[in-house]
PDB file of N, CA and C in Angstrom:
ATOM      1  N   MET A   1     -47.571  -0.571  10.769  1.00  0.00           N
ATOM      2  CA  MET A   1     -47.501  -0.114  12.129  1.00  0.00           C
ATOM      3  C   MET A   1     -46.749   1.214  12.211  1.00  0.00           C
ATOM      4  N   ARG A   2     -45.758   1.367  11.356  1.00  0.00           N
ATOM      5  CA  ARG A   2     -44.965   2.591  11.340  1.00  0.00           C
ATOM      6  C   ARG A   2     -45.827   3.802  11.012  1.00  0.00           C
ATOM      7  N   TRP A   3     -46.778   3.599  10.100  1.00  0.00           N
ATOM      8  CA  TRP A   3     -47.648   4.701   9.709  1.00  0.00           C
ATOM      9  C   TRP A   3     -48.515   5.154  10.868  1.00  0.00           C
ATOM     10  N   LEU A   4     -48.904   4.215  11.746  1.00  0.00           N
ATOM     11  CA  LEU A   4     -49.724   4.558  12.896  1.00  0.00           C
ATOM     12  C   LEU A   4     -48.940   5.444  13.860  1.00  0.00           C
ATOM     13  N   LEU A   5     -47.692   5.103  14.092  1.00  0.00           N
ATOM     14  CA  LEU A   5     -46.837   5.912  14.961  1.00  0.00           C
ATOM     15  C   LEU A   5     -46.633   7.289  14.349  1.00  0.00           C
ATOM     16  N   LEU A   6     -46.360   7.326  13.056  1.00  0.00           N
ATOM     17  CA  LEU A   6     -46.169   8.605  12.366  1.00  0.00           C
ATOM     18  C   LEU A   6     -47.438   9.449  12.433  1.00  0.00           C
ATOM     19  N   PHE A   7     -48.587   8.808  12.257  1.00  0.00           N
ATOM     20  CA  PHE A   7     -49.846   9.534  12.336  1.00  0.00           C
ATOM     21  C   PHE A   7     -50.052  10.109  13.730  1.00  0.00           C
ATOM     22  N   ALA A   8     -49.792   9.317  14.740  1.00  0.00           N
ATOM     23  CA  ALA A   8     -49.961   9.787  16.120  1.00  0.00           C
ATOM     24  C   ALA A   8     -49.031  10.959  16.416  1.00  0.00           C
ATOM     25  N   MET A   9     -47.794  10.872  15.937  1.00  0.00           N
ATOM     26  CA  MET A   9     -46.843  11.970  16.136  1.00  0.00           C
ATOM     27  C   MET A   9     -47.337  13.210  15.405  1.00  0.00           C
ATOM     28  N   SER A  10     -47.855  13.035  14.205  1.00  0.00           N
ATOM     29  CA  SER A  10     -48.341  14.162  13.410  1.00  0.00           C
ATOM     30  C   SER A  10     -49.506  14.856  14.095  1.00  0.00           C
ATOM     31  N   VAL A  11     -50.417  14.070  14.617  1.00  0.00           N
ATOM     32  CA  VAL A  11     -51.569  14.646  15.305  1.00  0.00           C
ATOM     33  C   VAL A  11     -51.104  15.455  16.508  1.00  0.00           C
ATOM     34  N   ALA A  12     -50.177  14.896  17.252  1.00  0.00           N
ATOM     35  CA  ALA A  12     -49.659  15.613  18.421  1.00  0.00           C
ATOM     36  C   ALA A  12     -48.943  16.887  18.005  1.00  0.00           C
ATOM     37  N   TRP A  13     -48.144  16.812  16.957  1.00  0.00           N
ATOM     38  CA  TRP A  13     -47.361  17.967  16.508  1.00  0.00           C
ATOM     39  C   TRP A  13     -48.221  19.070  15.940  1.00  0.00           C
ATOM     40  N   LEU A  14     -49.267  18.720  15.243  1.00  0.00           N
ATOM     41  CA  LEU A  14     -50.068  19.732  14.565  1.00  0.00           C
ATOM     42  C   LEU A  14     -51.140  20.335  15.462  1.00  0.00           C
ATOM     43  N   GLY A  15     -51.139  19.957  16.712  1.00  0.00           N
ATOM     44  CA  GLY A  15     -51.959  20.674  17.661  1.00  0.00           C
ATOM     45  C   GLY A  15     -53.376  20.190  17.860  1.00  0.00           C
ATOM     46  N   CYS A  16     -53.670  18.942  17.598  1.00  0.00           N
ATOM     47  CA  CYS A  16     -55.026  18.473  17.827  1.00  0.00           C
ATOM     48  C   CYS A  16     -55.373  18.490  19.305  1.00  0.00           C
ATOM     49  N   GLY A  17     -54.377  18.595  20.152  1.00  0.00           N
ATOM     50  CA  GLY A  17     -54.605  18.677  21.586  1.00  0.00           C
ATOM     51  C   GLY A  17     -54.830  20.100  22.044  1.00  0.00           C
ATOM     52  N   GLY A  18     -55.044  21.031  21.137  1.00  0.00           N
ATOM     53  CA  GLY A  18     -55.316  22.400  21.503  1.00  0.00           C
ATOM     54  C   GLY A  18     -54.074  23.263  21.603  1.00  0.00           C
ATOM     55  N   GLU A  19     -52.958  22.784  21.153  1.00  0.00           N
ATOM     56  CA  GLU A  19     -51.718  23.545  21.203  1.00  0.00           C
ATOM     57  C   GLU A  19     -51.792  24.718  20.230  1.00  0.00           C
ATOM     58  N   ASP A  20     -51.459  25.896  20.716  1.00  0.00           N
ATOM     59  CA  ASP A  20     -51.501  27.100  19.899  1.00  0.00           C
ATOM     60  C   ASP A  20     -50.189  27.221  19.137  1.00  0.00           C
ATOM     61  N   PRO A  21     -50.216  27.152  17.788  1.00  0.00           N
ATOM     62  CA  PRO A  21     -48.978  27.215  17.012  1.00  0.00           C
ATOM     63  C   PRO A  21     -48.150  28.464  17.288  1.00  0.00           C
ATOM     64  N   SER A  22     -48.797  29.547  17.689  1.00  0.00           N
ATOM     65  CA  SER A  22     -48.044  30.771  17.949  1.00  0.00           C
ATOM     66  C   SER A  22     -47.238  30.690  19.245  1.00  0.00           C
ATOM     67  N   GLN A  23     -47.520  29.702  20.080  1.00  0.00           N
ATOM     68  CA  GLN A  23     -46.808  29.549  21.344  1.00  0.00           C
ATOM     69  C   GLN A  23     -45.617  28.593  21.245  1.00  0.00           C
ATOM     70  N   ILE A  24     -45.417  28.018  20.084  1.00  0.00           N
ATOM     71  CA  ILE A  24     -44.310  27.081  19.884  1.00  0.00           C
ATOM     72  C   ILE A  24     -43.073  27.888  19.499  1.00  0.00           C
ATOM     73  N   THR A  25     -41.949  27.560  20.081  1.00  0.00           N
ATOM     74  CA  THR A  25     -40.729  28.316  19.843  1.00  0.00           C
ATOM     75  C   THR A  25     -40.127  27.998  18.483  1.00  0.00           C
ATOM     76  N   TYR A  26     -39.234  28.864  18.056  1.00  0.00           N
ATOM     77  CA  TYR A  26     -38.492  28.661  16.809  1.00  0.00           C
ATOM     78  C   TYR A  26     -37.786  27.304  16.833  1.00  0.00           C
ATOM     79  N   ASP A  27     -37.111  26.998  17.938  1.00  0.00           N
ATOM     80  CA  ASP A  27     -36.383  25.728  18.042  1.00  0.00           C
ATOM     81  C   ASP A  27     -37.311  24.524  17.952  1.00  0.00           C
ATOM     82  N   GLU A  28     -38.494  24.630  18.560  1.00  0.00           N
ATOM     83  CA  GLU A  28     -39.457  23.527  18.483  1.00  0.00           C
ATOM     84  C   GLU A  28     -39.974  23.348  17.063  1.00  0.00           C
ATOM     85  N   TRP A  29     -40.249  24.469  16.368  1.00  0.00           N
ATOM     86  CA  TRP A  29     -40.687  24.353  14.972  1.00  0.00           C
ATOM     87  C   TRP A  29     -39.569  23.778  14.109  1.00  0.00           C
ATOM     88  N   ALA A  30     -38.335  24.197  14.361  1.00  0.00           N
ATOM     89  CA  ALA A  30     -37.207  23.661  13.596  1.00  0.00           C
ATOM     90  C   ALA A  30     -37.102  22.148  13.793  1.00  0.00           C
ATOM     91  N   GLU A  31     -37.274  21.699  15.020  1.00  0.00           N
ATOM     92  CA  GLU A  31     -37.218  20.263  15.326  1.00  0.00           C
ATOM     93  C   GLU A  31     -38.333  19.510  14.601  1.00  0.00           C
ATOM     94  N   ARG A  32     -39.530  20.046  14.656  1.00  0.00           N
ATOM     95  CA  ARG A  32     -40.663  19.409  13.983  1.00  0.00           C
ATOM     96  C   ARG A  32     -40.457  19.366  12.472  1.00  0.00           C
ATOM     97  N   ALA A  33     -40.065  20.496  11.919  1.00  0.00           N
ATOM     98  CA  ALA A  33     -39.855  20.567  10.471  1.00  0.00           C
ATOM     99  C   ALA A  33     -38.765  19.603  10.025  1.00  0.00           C
ATOM    100  N   ALA A  34     -37.683  19.543  10.786  1.00  0.00           N
ATOM    101  CA  ALA A  34     -36.576  18.644  10.442  1.00  0.00           C
ATOM    102  C   ALA A  34     -37.012  17.182  10.524  1.00  0.00           C
ATOM    103  N   THR A  35     -37.757  16.849  11.552  1.00  0.00           N
ATOM    104  CA  THR A  35     -38.212  15.463  11.723  1.00  0.00           C
ATOM    105  C   THR A  35     -39.075  15.021  10.547  1.00  0.00           C
ATOM    106  N   VAL A  36     -40.040  15.851  10.192  1.00  0.00           N
ATOM    107  CA  VAL A  36     -40.943  15.487   9.103  1.00  0.00           C
ATOM    108  C   VAL A  36     -40.202  15.492   7.767  1.00  0.00           C
ATOM    109  N   GLN A  37     -39.351  16.493   7.561  1.00  0.00           N
ATOM    110  CA  GLN A  37     -38.602  16.567   6.305  1.00  0.00           C
ATOM    111  C   GLN A  37     -37.728  15.328   6.116  1.00  0.00           C
ATOM    112  N   CYS A  38     -37.005  14.944   7.154  1.00  0.00           N
ATOM    113  CA  CYS A  38     -36.106  13.791   7.033  1.00  0.00           C
ATOM    114  C   CYS A  38     -36.878  12.482   6.916  1.00  0.00           C
ATOM    115  N   SER A  39     -38.000  12.370   7.610  1.00  0.00           N
ATOM    116  CA  SER A  39     -38.843  11.178   7.470  1.00  0.00           C
ATOM    117  C   SER A  39     -39.382  11.078   6.051  1.00  0.00           C
ATOM    118  N   HIS A  40     -39.814  12.215   5.509  1.00  0.00           N
ATOM    119  CA  HIS A  40     -40.351  12.224   4.145  1.00  0.00           C
ATOM    120  C   HIS A  40     -39.263  11.852   3.140  1.00  0.00           C
ATOM    121  N   GLU A  41     -38.085  12.423   3.310  1.00  0.00           N
ATOM    122  CA  GLU A  41     -36.992  12.110   2.387  1.00  0.00           C
ATOM    123  C   GLU A  41     -36.653  10.621   2.427  1.00  0.00           C
ATOM    124  N   ALA A  42     -36.636  10.036   3.618  1.00  0.00           N
ATOM    125  CA  ALA A  42     -36.292   8.620   3.746  1.00  0.00           C
ATOM    126  C   ALA A  42     -37.398   7.716   3.207  1.00  0.00           C
ATOM    127  N   ARG A  43     -38.635   8.008   3.538  1.00  0.00           N
ATOM    128  CA  ARG A  43     -39.734   7.114   3.189  1.00  0.00           C
ATOM    129  C   ARG A  43     -40.309   7.346   1.797  1.00  0.00           C
ATOM    130  N   CYS A  44     -40.365   8.593   1.384  1.00  0.00           N
ATOM    131  CA  CYS A  44     -41.045   8.894   0.125  1.00  0.00           C
ATOM    132  C   CYS A  44     -40.093   9.189  -1.023  1.00  0.00           C
ATOM    133  N   GLU A  45     -38.913   9.691  -0.713  1.00  0.00           N
ATOM    134  CA  GLU A  45     -37.977  10.068  -1.766  1.00  0.00           C
ATOM    135  C   GLU A  45     -36.809   9.098  -1.889  1.00  0.00           C
ATOM    136  N   GLY A  46     -36.741   8.124  -1.003  1.00  0.00           N
ATOM    137  CA  GLY A  46     -35.706   7.108  -1.083  1.00  0.00           C
ATOM    138  C   GLY A  46     -34.306   7.588  -0.722  1.00  0.00           C
ATOM    139  N   SER A  47     -34.221   8.613   0.113  1.00  0.00           N
ATOM    140  CA  SER A  47     -32.911   9.117   0.520  1.00  0.00           C
ATOM    141  C   SER A  47     -32.126   8.032   1.253  1.00  0.00           C
ATOM    142  N   SER A  48     -30.864   7.943   0.946  1.00  0.00           N
ATOM    143  CA  SER A  48     -30.015   6.958   1.617  1.00  0.00           C
ATOM    144  C   SER A  48     -29.341   7.553   2.854  1.00  0.00           C
ATOM    145  N   LEU A  49     -29.523   8.845   3.071  1.00  0.00           N
ATOM    146  CA  LEU A  49     -28.948   9.499   4.241  1.00  0.00           C
ATOM    147  C   LEU A  49     -29.701   9.055   5.489  1.00  0.00           C
ATOM    148  N   ASP A  50     -28.967   8.662   6.500  1.00  0.00           N
ATOM    149  CA  ASP A  50     -29.536   8.251   7.773  1.00  0.00           C
ATOM    150  C   ASP A  50     -30.402   9.394   8.322  1.00  0.00           C
ATOM    151  N   GLU A  51     -31.572   9.063   8.865  1.00  0.00           N
ATOM    152  CA  GLU A  51     -32.475  10.102   9.363  1.00  0.00           C
ATOM    153  C   GLU A  51     -31.827  10.940  10.460  1.00  0.00           C
ATOM    154  N   ALA A  52     -31.036  10.324  11.318  1.00  0.00           N
ATOM    155  CA  ALA A  52     -30.368  11.084  12.393  1.00  0.00           C
ATOM    156  C   ALA A  52     -29.375  12.084  11.805  1.00  0.00           C
ATOM    157  N   ALA A  53     -28.640  11.675  10.790  1.00  0.00           N
ATOM    158  CA  ALA A  53     -27.684  12.585  10.139  1.00  0.00           C
ATOM    159  C   ALA A  53     -28.431  13.700   9.419  1.00  0.00           C
ATOM    160  N   CYS A  54     -29.531  13.352   8.774  1.00  0.00           N
ATOM    161  CA  CYS A  54     -30.357  14.352   8.102  1.00  0.00           C
ATOM    162  C   CYS A  54     -30.863  15.365   9.122  1.00  0.00           C
ATOM    163  N   MET A  55     -31.395  14.885  10.235  1.00  0.00           N
ATOM    164  CA  MET A  55     -31.902  15.774  11.285  1.00  0.00           C
ATOM    165  C   MET A  55     -30.818  16.728  11.771  1.00  0.00           C
ATOM    166  N   ALA A  56     -29.636  16.197  12.007  1.00  0.00           N
ATOM    167  CA  ALA A  56     -28.541  17.033  12.485  1.00  0.00           C
ATOM    168  C   ALA A  56     -28.212  18.134  11.480  1.00  0.00           C
ATOM    169  N   GLN A  57     -28.190  17.792  10.199  1.00  0.00           N
ATOM    170  CA  GLN A  57     -27.882  18.773   9.154  1.00  0.00           C
ATOM    171  C   GLN A  57     -28.953  19.857   9.057  1.00  0.00           C
ATOM    172  N   VAL A  58     -30.204  19.445   9.059  1.00  0.00           N
ATOM    173  CA  VAL A  58     -31.296  20.411   8.924  1.00  0.00           C
ATOM    174  C   VAL A  58     -31.358  21.319  10.146  1.00  0.00           C
ATOM    175  N   LEU A  59     -31.260  20.738  11.339  1.00  0.00           N
ATOM    176  CA  LEU A  59     -31.300  21.553  12.559  1.00  0.00           C
ATOM    177  C   LEU A  59     -30.130  22.528  12.620  1.00  0.00           C
ATOM    178  N   GLU A  60     -28.976  22.098  12.202  1.00  0.00           N
ATOM    179  CA  GLU A  60     -27.814  22.990  12.194  1.00  0.00           C
ATOM    180  C   GLU A  60     -28.035  24.155  11.248  1.00  0.00           C
ATOM    181  N   ARG A  61     -28.631  23.890  10.112  1.00  0.00           N
ATOM    182  CA  ARG A  61     -28.895  24.967   9.145  1.00  0.00           C
ATOM    183  C   ARG A  61     -29.884  25.987   9.719  1.00  0.00           C
ATOM    184  N   TYR A  62     -30.938  25.498  10.387  1.00  0.00           N
ATOM    185  CA  TYR A  62     -31.884  26.414  11.033  1.00  0.00           C
ATOM    186  C   TYR A  62     -31.190  27.229  12.133  1.00  0.00           C
ATOM    187  N   ARG A  63     -30.319  26.593  12.893  1.00  0.00           N
ATOM    188  CA  ARG A  63     -29.586  27.319  13.949  1.00  0.00           C
ATOM    189  C   ARG A  63     -28.666  28.381  13.355  1.00  0.00           C
ATOM    190  N   GLN A  64     -28.057  28.080  12.220  1.00  0.00           N
ATOM    191  CA  GLN A  64     -27.149  29.032  11.580  1.00  0.00           C
ATOM    192  C   GLN A  64     -27.862  30.295  11.112  1.00  0.00           C
ATOM    193  N   VAL A  65     -29.088  30.151  10.629  1.00  0.00           N
ATOM    194  CA  VAL A  65     -29.784  31.325  10.088  1.00  0.00           C
ATOM    195  C   VAL A  65     -30.577  32.086  11.143  1.00  0.00           C
ATOM    196  N   GLU A  66     -30.748  31.517  12.313  1.00  0.00           N
ATOM    197  CA  GLU A  66     -31.561  32.180  13.337  1.00  0.00           C
ATOM    198  C   GLU A  66     -31.076  33.600  13.670  1.00  0.00           C
ATOM    199  N   PRO A  67     -29.775  33.846  13.859  1.00  0.00           N
ATOM    200  CA  PRO A  67     -29.347  35.228  14.149  1.00  0.00           C
ATOM    201  C   PRO A  67     -29.694  36.200  13.020  1.00  0.00           C
ATOM    202  N   GLU A  68     -29.570  35.744  11.791  1.00  0.00           N
ATOM    203  CA  GLU A  68     -29.913  36.583  10.640  1.00  0.00           C
ATOM    204  C   GLU A  68     -31.406  36.916  10.644  1.00  0.00           C
ATOM    205  N   LEU A  69     -32.226  35.960  11.012  1.00  0.00           N
ATOM    206  CA  LEU A  69     -33.665  36.171  11.058  1.00  0.00           C
ATOM    207  C   LEU A  69     -34.054  37.123  12.185  1.00  0.00           C
ATOM    208  N   GLU A  70     -33.344  37.052  13.296  1.00  0.00           N
ATOM    209  CA  GLU A  70     -33.632  37.931  14.428  1.00  0.00           C
ATOM    210  C   GLU A  70     -33.322  39.387  14.101  1.00  0.00           C
ATOM    211  N   ASP A  71     -32.375  39.618  13.210  1.00  0.00           N
ATOM    212  CA  ASP A  71     -31.981  40.977  12.855  1.00  0.00           C
ATOM    213  C   ASP A  71     -32.989  41.682  11.960  1.00  0.00           C
ATOM    214  N   ALA A  72     -33.807  40.939  11.263  1.00  0.00           N
ATOM    215  CA  ALA A  72     -34.775  41.535  10.329  1.00  0.00           C
ATOM    216  C   ALA A  72     -36.179  41.485  10.941  1.00  0.00           C
ATOM    217  N   THR A  73     -36.871  42.582  10.930  1.00  0.00           N
ATOM    218  CA  THR A  73     -38.213  42.675  11.502  1.00  0.00           C
ATOM    219  C   THR A  73     -39.160  41.695  10.819  1.00  0.00           C
ATOM    220  N   GLY A  74     -39.777  40.835  11.618  1.00  0.00           N
ATOM    221  CA  GLY A  74     -40.758  39.883  11.102  1.00  0.00           C
ATOM    222  C   GLY A  74     -40.195  38.662  10.406  1.00  0.00           C
ATOM    223  N   ALA A  75     -38.886  38.619  10.202  1.00  0.00           N
ATOM    224  CA  ALA A  75     -38.301  37.504   9.449  1.00  0.00           C
ATOM    225  C   ALA A  75     -38.433  36.178  10.189  1.00  0.00           C
ATOM    226  N   ARG A  76     -38.232  36.210  11.477  1.00  0.00           N
ATOM    227  CA  ARG A  76     -38.320  34.972  12.255  1.00  0.00           C
ATOM    228  C   ARG A  76     -39.747  34.417  12.196  1.00  0.00           C
ATOM    229  N   THR A  77     -40.739  35.285  12.296  1.00  0.00           N
ATOM    230  CA  THR A  77     -42.136  34.861  12.209  1.00  0.00           C
ATOM    231  C   THR A  77     -42.428  34.249  10.843  1.00  0.00           C
ATOM    232  N   GLY A  78     -41.889  34.847   9.793  1.00  0.00           N
ATOM    233  CA  GLY A  78     -42.078  34.304   8.445  1.00  0.00           C
ATOM    234  C   GLY A  78     -41.455  32.934   8.291  1.00  0.00           C
ATOM    235  N   CYS A  79     -40.295  32.737   8.901  1.00  0.00           N
ATOM    236  CA  CYS A  79     -39.631  31.435   8.829  1.00  0.00           C
ATOM    237  C   CYS A  79     -40.438  30.385   9.601  1.00  0.00           C
ATOM    238  N   VAL A  80     -40.939  30.759  10.765  1.00  0.00           N
ATOM    239  CA  VAL A  80     -41.754  29.823  11.548  1.00  0.00           C
ATOM    240  C   VAL A  80     -43.004  29.430  10.755  1.00  0.00           C
ATOM    241  N   ARG A  81     -43.612  30.388  10.083  1.00  0.00           N
ATOM    242  CA  ARG A  81     -44.782  30.080   9.242  1.00  0.00           C
ATOM    243  C   ARG A  81     -44.382  29.099   8.141  1.00  0.00           C
ATOM    244  N   CYS A  82     -43.246  29.333   7.537  1.00  0.00           N
ATOM    245  CA  CYS A  82     -42.737  28.438   6.497  1.00  0.00           C
ATOM    246  C   CYS A  82     -42.552  27.020   7.054  1.00  0.00           C
ATOM    247  N   MET A  83     -41.919  26.913   8.218  1.00  0.00           N
ATOM    248  CA  MET A  83     -41.696  25.599   8.826  1.00  0.00           C
ATOM    249  C   MET A  83     -43.031  24.914   9.126  1.00  0.00           C
ATOM    250  N   ARG A  84     -44.001  25.673   9.596  1.00  0.00           N
ATOM    251  CA  ARG A  84     -45.321  25.109   9.922  1.00  0.00           C
ATOM    252  C   ARG A  84     -46.003  24.576   8.667  1.00  0.00           C
ATOM    253  N   ILE A  85     -45.996  25.363   7.598  1.00  0.00           N
ATOM    254  CA  ILE A  85     -46.628  24.940   6.349  1.00  0.00           C
ATOM    255  C   ILE A  85     -45.910  23.723   5.771  1.00  0.00           C
ATOM    256  N   ARG A  86     -44.581  23.758   5.755  1.00  0.00           N
ATOM    257  CA  ARG A  86     -43.805  22.615   5.248  1.00  0.00           C
ATOM    258  C   ARG A  86     -44.143  21.353   6.050  1.00  0.00           C
ATOM    259  N   THR A  87     -44.234  21.490   7.362  1.00  0.00           N
ATOM    260  CA  THR A  87     -44.561  20.351   8.224  1.00  0.00           C
ATOM    261  C   THR A  87     -45.937  19.796   7.885  1.00  0.00           C
ATOM    262  N   GLU A  88     -46.917  20.680   7.710  1.00  0.00           N
ATOM    263  CA  GLU A  88     -48.272  20.239   7.359  1.00  0.00           C
ATOM    264  C   GLU A  88     -48.298  19.504   6.021  1.00  0.00           C
ATOM    265  N   VAL A  89     -47.632  20.071   5.031  1.00  0.00           N
ATOM    266  CA  VAL A  89     -47.643  19.492   3.682  1.00  0.00           C
ATOM    267  C   VAL A  89     -46.936  18.131   3.664  1.00  0.00           C
ATOM    268  N   LEU A  90     -45.775  18.050   4.267  1.00  0.00           N
ATOM    269  CA  LEU A  90     -45.032  16.782   4.263  1.00  0.00           C
ATOM    270  C   LEU A  90     -45.734  15.728   5.111  1.00  0.00           C
ATOM    271  N   THR A  91     -46.367  16.147   6.203  1.00  0.00           N
ATOM    272  CA  THR A  91     -47.121  15.205   7.032  1.00  0.00           C
ATOM    273  C   THR A  91     -48.286  14.620   6.247  1.00  0.00           C
ATOM    274  N   ALA A  92     -48.963  15.461   5.470  1.00  0.00           N
ATOM    275  CA  ALA A  92     -50.074  14.961   4.643  1.00  0.00           C
ATOM    276  C   ALA A  92     -49.572  13.896   3.667  1.00  0.00           C
ATOM    277  N   SER A  93     -48.421  14.123   3.083  1.00  0.00           N
ATOM    278  CA  SER A  93     -47.855  13.142   2.164  1.00  0.00           C
ATOM    279  C   SER A  93     -47.496  11.844   2.896  1.00  0.00           C
ATOM    280  N   LEU A  94     -46.864  11.986   4.056  1.00  0.00           N
ATOM    281  CA  LEU A  94     -46.501  10.799   4.843  1.00  0.00           C
ATOM    282  C   LEU A  94     -47.742  10.037   5.302  1.00  0.00           C
ATOM    283  N   ASP A  95     -48.771  10.769   5.729  1.00  0.00           N
ATOM    284  CA  ASP A  95     -50.002  10.120   6.193  1.00  0.00           C
ATOM    285  C   ASP A  95     -50.674   9.312   5.092  1.00  0.00           C
ATOM    286  N   SER A  96     -50.448   9.702   3.845  1.00  0.00           N
ATOM    287  CA  SER A  96     -51.032   8.967   2.723  1.00  0.00           C
ATOM    288  C   SER A  96     -50.091   7.867   2.228  1.00  0.00           C
ATOM    289  N   GLU A  97     -49.068   7.571   3.022  1.00  0.00           N
ATOM    290  CA  GLU A  97     -48.046   6.593   2.648  1.00  0.00           C
ATOM    291  C   GLU A  97     -47.399   6.982   1.324  1.00  0.00           C
ATOM    292  N   CYS A  98     -47.130   8.275   1.182  1.00  0.00           N
ATOM    293  CA  CYS A  98     -46.420   8.870   0.042  1.00  0.00           C
ATOM    294  C   CYS A  98     -47.249   8.886  -1.243  1.00  0.00           C
ATOM    295  N   GLN A  99     -48.539   8.610  -1.130  1.00  0.00           N
ATOM    296  CA  GLN A  99     -49.393   8.610  -2.319  1.00  0.00           C
ATOM    297  C   GLN A  99     -49.822  10.021  -2.708  1.00  0.00           C
ATOM    298  N   GLN A 100     -49.991  10.887  -1.711  1.00  0.00           N
ATOM    299  CA  GLN A 100     -50.378  12.272  -1.982  1.00  0.00           C
ATOM    300  C   GLN A 100     -49.124  13.062  -2.347  1.00  0.00           C
ATOM    301  N   PRO A 101     -49.115  13.693  -3.508  1.00  0.00           N
ATOM    302  CA  PRO A 101     -47.928  14.463  -3.883  1.00  0.00           C
ATOM    303  C   PRO A 101     -47.750  15.674  -2.971  1.00  0.00           C
ATOM    304  N   VAL A 102     -46.517  16.078  -2.815  1.00  0.00           N
ATOM    305  CA  VAL A 102     -46.195  17.239  -1.991  1.00  0.00           C
ATOM    306  C   VAL A 102     -46.721  18.492  -2.691  1.00  0.00           C
ATOM    307  N   ASP A 103     -47.430  19.306  -1.956  1.00  0.00           N
ATOM    308  CA  ASP A 103     -47.991  20.542  -2.492  1.00  0.00           C
ATOM    309  C   ASP A 103     -46.893  21.617  -2.484  1.00  0.00           C
ATOM    310  N   THR A 104     -46.032  21.547  -3.484  1.00  0.00           N
ATOM    311  CA  THR A 104     -44.898  22.470  -3.541  1.00  0.00           C
ATOM    312  C   THR A 104     -45.335  23.914  -3.721  1.00  0.00           C
ATOM    313  N   SER A 105     -46.479  24.137  -4.355  1.00  0.00           N
ATOM    314  CA  SER A 105     -46.938  25.513  -4.526  1.00  0.00           C
ATOM    315  C   SER A 105     -47.297  26.128  -3.176  1.00  0.00           C
ATOM    316  N   ARG A 106     -47.826  25.340  -2.282  1.00  0.00           N
ATOM    317  CA  ARG A 106     -48.150  25.845  -0.932  1.00  0.00           C
ATOM    318  C   ARG A 106     -46.864  26.143  -0.152  1.00  0.00           C
ATOM    319  N   ILE A 107     -45.890  25.259  -0.285  1.00  0.00           N
ATOM    320  CA  ILE A 107     -44.603  25.498   0.381  1.00  0.00           C
ATOM    321  C   ILE A 107     -43.942  26.732  -0.203  1.00  0.00           C
ATOM    322  N   ASP A 108     -43.931  26.843  -1.523  1.00  0.00           N
ATOM    323  CA  ASP A 108     -43.312  28.008  -2.170  1.00  0.00           C
ATOM    324  C   ASP A 108     -44.013  29.303  -1.769  1.00  0.00           C
ATOM    325  N   ALA A 109     -45.331  29.263  -1.629  1.00  0.00           N
ATOM    326  CA  ALA A 109     -46.070  30.464  -1.229  1.00  0.00           C
ATOM    327  C   ALA A 109     -45.685  30.910   0.177  1.00  0.00           C
ATOM    328  N   ALA A 110     -45.442  29.956   1.054  1.00  0.00           N
ATOM    329  CA  ALA A 110     -45.092  30.291   2.436  1.00  0.00           C
ATOM    330  C   ALA A 110     -43.604  30.568   2.610  1.00  0.00           C
ATOM    331  N   CYS A 111     -42.778  29.861   1.841  1.00  0.00           N
ATOM    332  CA  CYS A 111     -41.333  29.901   2.070  1.00  0.00           C
ATOM    333  C   CYS A 111     -40.557  30.682   1.019  1.00  0.00           C
ATOM    334  N   GLY A 112     -41.164  30.871  -0.137  1.00  0.00           N
ATOM    335  CA  GLY A 112     -40.442  31.459  -1.255  1.00  0.00           C
ATOM    336  C   GLY A 112     -39.811  30.348  -2.074  1.00  0.00           C
ATOM    337  N   ALA A 113     -39.695  30.562  -3.356  1.00  0.00           N
ATOM    338  CA  ALA A 113     -39.166  29.525  -4.244  1.00  0.00           C
ATOM    339  C   ALA A 113     -37.739  29.127  -3.884  1.00  0.00           C
ATOM    340  N   ASP A 114     -36.979  30.043  -3.327  1.00  0.00           N
ATOM    341  CA  ASP A 114     -35.595  29.757  -2.926  1.00  0.00           C
ATOM    342  C   ASP A 114     -35.444  29.718  -1.411  1.00  0.00           C
ATOM    343  N   GLN A 115     -36.541  29.427  -0.735  1.00  0.00           N
ATOM    344  CA  GLN A 115     -36.555  29.338   0.726  1.00  0.00           C
ATOM    345  C   GLN A 115     -36.133  30.645   1.406  1.00  0.00           C
ATOM    346  N   GLN A 116     -36.494  31.779   0.801  1.00  0.00           N
ATOM    347  CA  GLN A 116     -36.103  33.073   1.342  1.00  0.00           C
ATOM    348  C   GLN A 116     -36.650  33.310   2.748  1.00  0.00           C
ATOM    349  N   ALA A 117     -37.809  32.756   3.068  1.00  0.00           N
ATOM    350  CA  ALA A 117     -38.425  33.003   4.382  1.00  0.00           C
ATOM    351  C   ALA A 117     -37.512  32.541   5.514  1.00  0.00           C
ATOM    352  N   CYS A 118     -36.719  31.528   5.256  1.00  0.00           N
ATOM    353  CA  CYS A 118     -35.797  31.015   6.289  1.00  0.00           C
ATOM    354  C   CYS A 118     -34.343  31.232   5.863  1.00  0.00           C
ATOM    355  N   ALA A 119     -34.109  32.284   5.120  1.00  0.00           N
ATOM    356  CA  ALA A 119     -32.752  32.651   4.702  1.00  0.00           C
ATOM    357  C   ALA A 119     -32.014  31.491   4.030  1.00  0.00           C
ATOM    358  N   GLY A 120     -32.762  30.696   3.267  1.00  0.00           N
ATOM    359  CA  GLY A 120     -32.163  29.587   2.520  1.00  0.00           C
ATOM    360  C   GLY A 120     -32.127  28.267   3.260  1.00  0.00           C
ATOM    361  N   ALA A 121     -32.494  28.265   4.547  1.00  0.00           N
ATOM    362  CA  ALA A 121     -32.538  26.992   5.292  1.00  0.00           C
ATOM    363  C   ALA A 121     -33.670  26.152   4.742  1.00  0.00           C
ATOM    364  N   PRO A 122     -33.500  24.837   4.793  1.00  0.00           N
ATOM    365  CA  PRO A 122     -34.487  23.937   4.171  1.00  0.00           C
ATOM    366  C   PRO A 122     -35.882  24.047   4.700  1.00  0.00           C
TER     367      PRO A 122
END
């Protein structure tokens, strides 16, 4: 039953209702990325960190780097693209009940191997 709820949330988040990804704010993408990342860590990677605590940590990190991203031309857009790709990749893994491996090459292509697109934020 949990997978059905996760699937429904994923469909809503990824815009099957016609939502234009370019109209979603940085904060909304950060929230989506954090939610999927923490869900994936808990369900697929066996993280013992509480999902709420994980969310708080990830969101705080995105908030910390936002001023740095605003100072560099195009950096914020690159980070949002990174968050979108990460969300898509992790959602695909979650939708397969963790059977589909995470496409790290796609994440690295969008985010950089050291997460440079988001100034090191997850």
